[in-house]
Protein backbone atom coordinates (compact mmCIF):
# COMPACT_ATOMS: atom_id res chain seq x y z
CA UNK A 1 33.70 70.98 98.45
CA UNK A 2 31.32 70.68 101.39
CA UNK A 3 29.49 73.76 102.58
CA UNK A 4 30.48 74.95 106.05
CA UNK A 5 27.15 74.19 107.84
CA UNK A 6 27.00 70.67 106.35
CA UNK A 7 30.65 70.10 107.17
CA UNK A 8 30.11 71.15 110.77
CA UNK A 9 27.06 68.88 110.96
CA UNK A 10 29.06 65.88 109.74
CA UNK A 11 32.09 66.66 111.95
CA UNK A 12 31.38 68.86 115.01
CA UNK A 13 34.18 71.18 116.10
CA UNK A 14 34.81 69.47 119.44
CA UNK A 15 35.00 66.06 117.76
CA UNK A 16 37.50 67.44 115.25
CA UNK A 17 39.60 68.89 118.10
CA UNK A 18 39.61 65.54 119.90
CA UNK A 19 40.62 63.89 116.63
CA UNK A 20 43.64 66.20 116.30
CA UNK A 21 44.73 65.46 119.87
CA UNK A 22 44.26 61.74 119.32
CA UNK A 23 46.34 61.76 116.13
CA UNK A 24 49.33 63.42 117.83
CA UNK A 25 49.19 61.35 121.01
CA UNK A 26 48.41 58.12 119.18
CA UNK A 27 51.29 58.58 116.75
CA UNK A 28 53.68 59.24 119.64
CA UNK A 29 52.50 56.21 121.63
CA UNK A 30 52.97 53.96 118.62
CA UNK A 31 56.72 54.72 118.71
CA UNK A 32 57.50 55.42 122.38
CA UNK A 33 59.78 52.87 124.08
CA UNK A 34 57.98 50.43 126.33
CA UNK A 35 54.51 51.34 125.06
CA UNK A 36 55.14 51.14 121.33
CA UNK A 37 56.93 47.79 121.40
CA UNK A 38 55.82 45.15 118.86
CA UNK A 39 54.87 42.72 121.63
CA UNK A 40 52.33 45.20 123.06
CA UNK A 41 48.83 44.73 121.68
CA UNK A 42 47.87 47.42 119.16
CA UNK A 43 44.39 47.52 120.68
CA UNK A 44 45.85 48.26 124.11
CA UNK A 45 47.98 51.07 122.69
CA UNK A 46 44.98 52.59 120.92
CA UNK A 47 42.86 52.45 124.08
CA UNK A 48 45.64 54.09 126.08
CA UNK A 49 46.02 56.79 123.41
CA UNK A 50 42.27 57.44 123.49
CA UNK A 51 42.19 57.76 127.29
CA UNK A 52 45.18 60.12 127.33
CA UNK A 53 43.58 62.14 124.52
CA UNK A 54 40.38 62.57 126.53
CA UNK A 55 42.44 63.81 129.49
CA UNK A 56 44.66 66.09 127.38
CA UNK A 57 41.88 67.57 125.25
CA UNK A 58 40.84 70.27 127.79
CA UNK A 59 44.50 71.26 128.18
CA UNK A 60 45.20 71.42 124.45
CA UNK A 61 41.85 72.92 123.37
CA UNK A 62 42.96 76.60 123.68
CA UNK A 63 45.70 76.03 121.09
CA UNK A 64 43.57 73.99 118.68
CA UNK A 65 42.60 75.66 115.38
CA UNK A 66 39.03 76.19 114.25
CA UNK A 67 37.24 73.61 112.14
CA UNK A 68 38.34 74.02 108.49
CA UNK A 69 35.72 74.86 105.92
CA UNK A 70 36.87 72.19 103.47
CA UNK A 71 38.46 68.76 103.47
CA UNK A 72 42.02 69.51 102.14
CA UNK A 73 42.96 71.87 105.02
CA UNK A 74 41.63 69.30 107.47
CA UNK A 75 43.90 66.60 106.06
CA UNK A 76 46.86 68.98 106.18
CA UNK A 77 46.18 69.60 109.87
CA UNK A 78 45.94 65.87 110.55
CA UNK A 79 49.16 65.25 108.61
CA UNK A 80 50.97 67.92 110.64
CA UNK A 81 49.79 66.38 113.92
CA UNK A 82 50.92 62.96 112.71
CA UNK A 83 54.41 64.28 111.92
CA UNK A 84 54.72 65.96 115.33
CA UNK A 85 53.59 62.81 117.16
CA UNK A 86 56.01 60.60 115.25
CA UNK A 87 58.80 63.10 115.91
CA UNK A 88 58.20 63.03 119.67
CA UNK A 89 58.16 59.25 119.79
CA UNK A 90 61.17 58.91 117.49
CA UNK A 91 63.36 61.06 119.76
CA UNK A 92 62.80 58.67 122.67
CA UNK A 93 63.20 55.65 120.41
CA UNK A 94 66.52 56.92 119.03
CA UNK A 95 67.83 57.32 122.57
CA UNK A 96 67.01 53.66 123.21
CA UNK A 97 69.15 52.72 120.21
CA UNK A 98 72.19 53.68 122.33
CA UNK A 99 71.69 50.42 124.21
CA UNK A 100 71.61 48.40 121.00
CA UNK A 101 74.82 50.04 119.75
CA UNK A 102 76.52 49.78 123.13
CA UNK A 103 75.42 46.16 123.47
CA UNK A 104 76.94 45.29 120.10
CA UNK A 105 80.21 46.98 121.09
CA UNK A 106 80.20 44.94 124.31
CA UNK A 107 79.44 41.76 122.35
CA UNK A 108 82.42 42.35 120.06
CA UNK A 109 84.64 43.08 123.07
CA UNK A 110 83.63 39.90 124.89
CA UNK A 111 83.58 37.42 121.97
CA UNK A 112 79.77 37.17 122.11
CA UNK A 113 79.03 38.88 118.80
CA UNK A 114 77.80 35.61 117.29
CA UNK A 115 75.42 34.91 120.20
CA UNK A 116 72.37 36.48 118.57
CA UNK A 117 68.94 36.34 120.18
CA UNK A 118 65.50 37.62 119.24
CA UNK A 119 65.22 41.22 120.39
CA UNK A 120 61.55 41.80 121.37
CA UNK A 121 61.90 45.58 121.06
CA UNK A 122 63.09 45.62 117.45
CA UNK A 123 61.41 42.33 116.45
CA UNK A 124 64.65 41.10 114.91
CA UNK A 125 67.84 39.38 115.93
CA UNK A 126 70.33 41.35 117.99
CA UNK A 127 73.24 40.84 120.33
CA UNK A 128 72.46 39.15 123.61
CA UNK A 129 74.02 42.01 125.58
CA UNK A 130 72.02 44.65 123.69
CA UNK A 131 68.74 42.83 124.35
CA UNK A 132 69.67 42.44 128.02
CA UNK A 133 70.49 46.14 128.42
CA UNK A 134 67.36 47.16 126.52
CA UNK A 135 65.05 45.16 128.79
CA UNK A 136 66.72 46.52 131.94
CA UNK A 137 66.44 50.09 130.62
CA UNK A 138 62.71 49.66 129.91
CA UNK A 139 62.22 48.34 133.43
CA UNK A 140 64.07 51.32 134.91
CA UNK A 141 62.16 53.83 132.78
CA UNK A 142 58.85 52.60 134.20
CA UNK A 143 60.19 52.03 137.71
CA UNK A 144 61.57 55.59 137.88
CA UNK A 145 58.42 57.09 136.30
CA UNK A 146 60.33 58.47 133.34
CA UNK A 147 57.39 57.52 131.13
CA UNK A 148 55.53 60.33 132.93
CA UNK A 149 58.24 62.66 131.62
CA UNK A 150 57.49 61.45 128.09
CA UNK A 151 53.76 62.00 128.57
CA UNK A 152 54.48 65.50 129.89
CA UNK A 153 56.60 66.22 126.82
CA UNK A 154 53.73 65.14 124.56
CA UNK A 155 51.22 67.39 126.35
CA UNK A 156 53.63 70.34 126.49
CA UNK A 157 54.34 69.92 122.77
CA UNK A 158 51.22 72.00 122.12
CA UNK A 159 53.25 74.96 123.38
CA UNK A 160 56.20 74.14 121.11
CA UNK A 161 54.22 73.00 118.05
CA UNK A 162 50.77 74.67 117.98
CA UNK A 163 48.41 72.81 115.64
CA UNK A 164 47.94 74.53 112.30
CA UNK A 165 51.27 76.38 112.43
CA UNK A 166 53.97 75.62 109.83
CA UNK A 167 56.30 72.90 111.04
CA UNK A 168 59.92 73.95 111.68
CA UNK A 169 61.42 71.24 109.51
CA UNK A 170 64.95 72.58 109.95
CA UNK A 171 64.67 72.53 113.74
CA UNK A 172 63.19 69.03 113.70
CA UNK A 173 66.08 67.78 111.55
CA UNK A 174 68.60 69.47 113.87
CA UNK A 175 67.04 67.80 116.93
CA UNK A 176 67.13 64.37 115.26
CA UNK A 177 70.81 64.85 114.37
CA UNK A 178 71.63 65.93 117.93
CA UNK A 179 69.75 62.97 119.40
CA UNK A 180 71.60 60.54 117.12
CA UNK A 181 74.95 62.07 118.11
CA UNK A 182 74.02 61.83 121.79
CA UNK A 183 72.89 58.20 121.32
CA UNK A 184 76.31 57.27 119.91
CA UNK A 185 77.98 59.12 122.79
CA UNK A 186 75.85 57.23 125.32
CA UNK A 187 76.68 53.94 123.57
CA UNK A 188 80.41 54.60 123.87
CA UNK A 189 80.05 55.66 127.51
CA UNK A 190 78.06 52.52 128.34
CA UNK A 191 80.60 50.24 126.64
CA UNK A 192 83.68 52.15 127.89
CA UNK A 193 84.63 49.65 130.66
CA UNK A 194 84.54 46.79 128.18
CA UNK A 195 86.53 48.72 125.58
CA UNK A 196 89.29 49.45 128.11
CA UNK A 197 89.42 45.93 129.55
CA UNK A 198 89.28 44.32 126.09
CA UNK A 199 92.12 46.55 124.88
CA UNK A 200 94.35 45.57 127.79
CA UNK A 201 93.37 41.90 127.42
CA UNK A 202 94.10 41.84 123.69
CA UNK A 203 97.44 43.58 124.28
CA UNK A 204 98.34 40.83 126.73
CA UNK A 205 97.27 38.17 124.25
CA UNK A 206 99.46 39.73 121.59
CA UNK A 207 102.47 39.62 123.87
CA UNK A 208 101.66 36.05 124.86
CA UNK A 209 101.37 35.01 121.23
CA UNK A 210 104.81 36.47 120.51
CA UNK A 211 106.35 34.78 123.54
CA UNK A 212 104.68 31.39 122.94
CA UNK A 213 104.00 30.98 119.20
CA UNK A 214 103.07 27.31 119.63
CA UNK A 215 100.16 28.15 121.95
CA UNK A 216 96.61 28.08 120.50
CA UNK A 217 95.88 31.60 121.66
CA UNK A 218 92.30 31.91 120.40
CA UNK A 219 91.31 28.56 121.90
CA UNK A 220 92.54 29.72 125.30
CA UNK A 221 91.48 33.36 125.05
CA UNK A 222 87.82 33.06 124.09
CA UNK A 223 86.56 31.41 127.32
CA UNK A 224 88.64 33.84 129.36
CA UNK A 225 87.28 36.80 127.39
CA UNK A 226 83.67 35.69 127.90
CA UNK A 227 84.22 35.12 131.63
CA UNK A 228 85.99 38.48 131.92
CA UNK A 229 83.07 40.17 130.15
CA UNK A 230 80.55 38.66 132.56
CA UNK A 231 82.62 39.79 135.56
CA UNK A 232 82.91 43.34 134.18
CA UNK A 233 79.16 43.35 133.45
CA UNK A 234 78.37 42.34 137.03
CA UNK A 235 80.43 45.20 138.48
CA UNK A 236 79.71 47.89 135.87
CA UNK A 237 75.99 47.33 135.20
CA UNK A 238 74.67 49.79 137.84
CA UNK A 239 76.96 52.54 136.57
CA UNK A 240 76.10 51.78 132.93
CA UNK A 241 72.38 52.01 133.59
CA UNK A 242 72.89 55.16 135.66
CA UNK A 243 74.72 56.81 132.76
CA UNK A 244 71.96 55.86 130.33
CA UNK A 245 69.06 56.92 132.54
CA UNK A 246 70.74 60.26 133.30
CA UNK A 247 71.43 60.88 129.61
CA UNK A 248 67.89 59.82 128.64
CA UNK A 249 66.26 62.13 131.18
CA UNK A 250 68.48 65.12 130.40
CA UNK A 251 68.01 64.79 126.64
CA UNK A 252 64.22 64.53 126.86
CA UNK A 253 64.11 67.47 129.29
CA UNK A 254 66.39 69.69 127.20
CA UNK A 255 64.94 68.95 123.76
CA UNK A 256 61.25 68.18 124.29
CA UNK A 257 60.14 70.13 127.35
CA UNK A 258 59.58 73.89 126.90
């Protein structure tokens, strides 16, 4: 083990405090929606995390622990800050998954489930409606300054999770479960107009198939279902995005802000 004076000479206390702040903020920014997307340069994210850490360090310094006297406690502190940062970013990321789920429900309801495109947020193929809703939601988050709410939650997390204190693993697991449940609820609320219209449309198709068995019902129905989905999207999109933004803001405020 290193002696305390030598350890402090190699790693001054204020540098160690800045390192702890950078680990938490950097881990959160690597996962946050909009900033932590795969198409954003990792160097840009690191520079943004460093600048925010320099600004947040005077605010967080009263709650920072003293410099440990040995290396193992230091790594435990860094690991705890990494877990907290990933937790904060994951909550926001899980809320964004409501758009992916809702978009897939819409795709199934409008016969566009096979129209897969490259989703830049998840770096994999997804439904065209889910990718469309995801990009609009990211635009609204930055246009309405909700990313400032996420930054505030990260800074205020030093009141909820003081560095060096034991992590409330049970509470973290409960929050993740509640966020997942709320994401599924938001997905169903976003796709509700399409679920209702598709149910009525499919009921009509069933009656038509019974009345005219010789008619190629799927050949006729698919273009109508796609056109109907586009019309419903045009009318319902503002309400859908309003429901998501309201749910996103209320969840972040209730669960992450003290």
